[in-house]
C-alpha cells in the first residue's frame, strides 16, 4: 500500500467517524437496520447476535 492510499483510507475513516458523531440515536439505529445488523424490532440479526452481549437494551423509535 502506498502512502497516498493509506492517507486516503485514513481520511475516509475519519470522515465517517465525524459523521457518526453527529447522528442521533434514532438515526444510528436506522442505519444499523439498513446495514442488516438489527431487525425491525431492534434485535441483532443472526450474524451479529454476539453483539447483544455488549448492549443491555436497544429499542428503535
N, C-alpha and C. Protein backbone atom coordinates (compact mmCIF):
# COMPACT_ATOMS: atom_id res chain seq x y z
N UNK A 1 0.85 -1.17 0.00
CA UNK A 1 0.00 0.00 0.00
C UNK A 1 0.90 1.24 0.00
N UNK A 2 0.56 2.15 -0.83
CA UNK A 2 1.35 3.38 -0.91
C UNK A 2 0.92 4.34 0.20
N UNK A 3 1.75 5.33 0.45
CA UNK A 3 1.42 6.36 1.43
C UNK A 3 0.14 7.10 1.03
N UNK A 4 -0.04 7.31 -0.26
CA UNK A 4 -1.21 8.02 -0.76
C UNK A 4 -2.48 7.20 -0.50
N UNK A 5 -2.42 5.89 -0.73
CA UNK A 5 -3.57 5.03 -0.48
C UNK A 5 -3.89 4.97 1.01
N UNK A 6 -2.85 4.87 1.82
CA UNK A 6 -3.03 4.85 3.26
C UNK A 6 -3.70 6.14 3.74
N UNK A 7 -3.23 7.26 3.26
CA UNK A 7 -3.80 8.55 3.66
C UNK A 7 -5.25 8.66 3.23
N UNK A 8 -5.57 8.17 2.05
CA UNK A 8 -6.96 8.19 1.56
C UNK A 8 -7.85 7.38 2.50
N UNK A 9 -7.38 6.18 2.87
CA UNK A 9 -8.16 5.32 3.78
C UNK A 9 -8.36 6.00 5.13
N UNK A 10 -7.34 6.63 5.64
CA UNK A 10 -7.46 7.33 6.92
C UNK A 10 -8.43 8.50 6.82
N UNK A 11 -8.39 9.22 5.72
CA UNK A 11 -9.31 10.35 5.52
C UNK A 11 -10.75 9.87 5.47
N UNK A 12 -11.01 8.78 4.77
CA UNK A 12 -12.36 8.21 4.68
C UNK A 12 -12.83 7.77 6.06
N UNK A 13 -11.97 7.10 6.81
CA UNK A 13 -12.33 6.63 8.15
C UNK A 13 -12.63 7.81 9.08
N UNK A 14 -11.81 8.83 9.03
CA UNK A 14 -12.03 10.00 9.88
C UNK A 14 -13.32 10.73 9.52
N UNK A 15 -13.61 10.82 8.23
CA UNK A 15 -14.85 11.48 7.79
C UNK A 15 -16.05 10.68 8.29
N UNK A 16 -15.99 9.36 8.17
CA UNK A 16 -17.09 8.51 8.64
C UNK A 16 -17.29 8.65 10.14
N UNK A 17 -16.20 8.73 10.88
CA UNK A 17 -16.28 8.88 12.32
C UNK A 17 -16.93 10.21 12.69
N UNK A 18 -16.55 11.26 12.02
CA UNK A 18 -17.14 12.57 12.29
C UNK A 18 -18.64 12.58 11.99
N UNK A 19 -19.04 11.93 10.89
CA UNK A 19 -20.46 11.85 10.54
C UNK A 19 -21.22 11.04 11.57
N UNK A 20 -20.62 9.96 12.06
CA UNK A 20 -21.28 9.12 13.06
C UNK A 20 -21.49 9.88 14.36
N UNK A 21 -20.57 10.75 14.72
CA UNK A 21 -20.69 11.53 15.95
C UNK A 21 -21.87 12.49 15.89
N UNK A 22 -22.31 12.86 14.69
CA UNK A 22 -23.40 13.82 14.52
C UNK A 22 -24.76 13.13 14.48
N UNK A 23 -24.80 11.79 14.44
CA UNK A 23 -26.07 11.06 14.35
C UNK A 23 -26.82 11.10 15.67
N UNK A 24 -28.14 11.16 15.55
CA UNK A 24 -28.98 10.99 16.73
C UNK A 24 -29.10 9.49 17.00
N UNK A 25 -29.63 9.15 18.14
CA UNK A 25 -29.84 7.74 18.48
C UNK A 25 -30.74 7.08 17.44
N UNK A 26 -31.77 7.78 17.04
CA UNK A 26 -32.72 7.23 16.07
C UNK A 26 -32.05 7.00 14.72
N UNK A 27 -31.22 7.95 14.30
CA UNK A 27 -30.51 7.81 13.03
C UNK A 27 -29.52 6.64 13.08
N UNK A 28 -28.86 6.48 14.21
CA UNK A 28 -27.90 5.39 14.35
C UNK A 28 -28.60 4.03 14.30
N UNK A 29 -29.74 3.92 14.98
CA UNK A 29 -30.49 2.66 14.94
C UNK A 29 -31.01 2.38 13.54
N UNK A 30 -31.51 3.40 12.85
CA UNK A 30 -31.99 3.21 11.48
C UNK A 30 -30.85 2.77 10.57
N UNK A 31 -29.67 3.33 10.78
CA UNK A 31 -28.50 2.94 9.98
C UNK A 31 -28.15 1.47 10.22
N UNK A 32 -28.18 1.04 11.47
CA UNK A 32 -27.88 -0.36 11.78
C UNK A 32 -28.93 -1.30 11.18
N UNK A 33 -30.17 -0.85 11.09
CA UNK A 33 -31.20 -1.65 10.45
C UNK A 33 -30.97 -1.74 8.94
N UNK A 34 -30.64 -0.61 8.32
CA UNK A 34 -30.36 -0.61 6.88
C UNK A 34 -29.17 -1.50 6.53
N UNK A 35 -28.19 -1.53 7.42
CA UNK A 35 -26.98 -2.34 7.19
C UNK A 35 -27.23 -3.82 7.45
N UNK A 36 -28.35 -4.14 8.08
CA UNK A 36 -28.67 -5.54 8.36
C UNK A 36 -28.17 -6.03 9.71
N UNK A 37 -27.70 -5.13 10.55
CA UNK A 37 -27.23 -5.54 11.87
C UNK A 37 -28.39 -5.75 12.83
N UNK A 38 -29.45 -4.94 12.66
CA UNK A 38 -30.63 -5.06 13.50
C UNK A 38 -31.84 -5.37 12.65
N UNK A 39 -32.81 -6.10 13.23
CA UNK A 39 -34.08 -6.32 12.53
C UNK A 39 -35.04 -5.18 12.86
N UNK A 40 -36.24 -5.24 12.33
CA UNK A 40 -37.20 -4.14 12.53
C UNK A 40 -37.63 -3.97 13.99
N UNK A 41 -37.43 -5.01 14.79
CA UNK A 41 -37.77 -4.93 16.21
C UNK A 41 -36.60 -4.47 17.08
N UNK A 42 -35.46 -4.20 16.46
CA UNK A 42 -34.29 -3.74 17.20
C UNK A 42 -33.42 -4.84 17.75
N UNK A 43 -33.68 -6.08 17.32
CA UNK A 43 -32.85 -7.21 17.76
C UNK A 43 -31.73 -7.44 16.75
N UNK A 44 -30.59 -7.89 17.25
CA UNK A 44 -29.49 -8.19 16.34
C UNK A 44 -29.85 -9.36 15.44
N UNK A 45 -29.47 -9.26 14.18
CA UNK A 45 -29.70 -10.36 13.25
C UNK A 45 -28.68 -11.46 13.54
N UNK A 46 -28.91 -12.64 12.98
CA UNK A 46 -28.12 -13.82 13.31
C UNK A 46 -26.60 -13.61 13.26
N UNK A 47 -26.05 -13.02 12.19
CA UNK A 47 -24.59 -12.89 12.16
C UNK A 47 -24.02 -11.96 13.25
N UNK A 48 -24.88 -11.18 13.88
CA UNK A 48 -24.42 -10.18 14.85
C UNK A 48 -24.96 -10.44 16.26
N UNK A 49 -25.49 -11.63 16.51
CA UNK A 49 -26.07 -11.95 17.82
C UNK A 49 -25.08 -11.75 18.96
N UNK A 50 -23.81 -12.00 18.70
CA UNK A 50 -22.80 -11.85 19.76
C UNK A 50 -22.70 -10.42 20.27
N UNK A 51 -23.10 -9.45 19.45
CA UNK A 51 -23.04 -8.05 19.88
C UNK A 51 -24.05 -7.75 20.98
N UNK A 52 -25.09 -8.57 21.07
CA UNK A 52 -26.10 -8.37 22.11
C UNK A 52 -25.49 -8.50 23.50
N UNK A 53 -24.37 -9.18 23.62
CA UNK A 53 -23.71 -9.31 24.92
C UNK A 53 -23.16 -7.97 25.41
N UNK A 54 -22.90 -7.06 24.49
CA UNK A 54 -22.32 -5.76 24.82
C UNK A 54 -23.40 -4.75 25.20
N UNK A 55 -24.57 -4.88 24.60
CA UNK A 55 -25.66 -3.93 24.81
C UNK A 55 -26.73 -4.53 25.70
N UNK A 56 -27.14 -3.77 26.71
CA UNK A 56 -28.19 -4.24 27.60
C UNK A 56 -29.56 -4.23 26.91
N UNK A 57 -29.87 -3.11 26.27
CA UNK A 57 -31.18 -2.96 25.66
C UNK A 57 -31.11 -1.94 24.52
N UNK A 58 -31.70 -2.29 23.40
CA UNK A 58 -31.77 -1.37 22.27
C UNK A 58 -33.22 -1.36 21.82
N UNK A 59 -33.80 -0.18 21.82
CA UNK A 59 -35.19 -0.05 21.38
C UNK A 59 -35.24 0.96 20.25
N UNK A 60 -35.68 0.53 19.05
CA UNK A 60 -35.83 1.50 17.96
C UNK A 60 -37.00 2.43 18.24
N UNK A 61 -36.95 3.61 17.72
CA UNK A 61 -38.05 4.57 17.91
C UNK A 61 -39.10 4.40 16.87
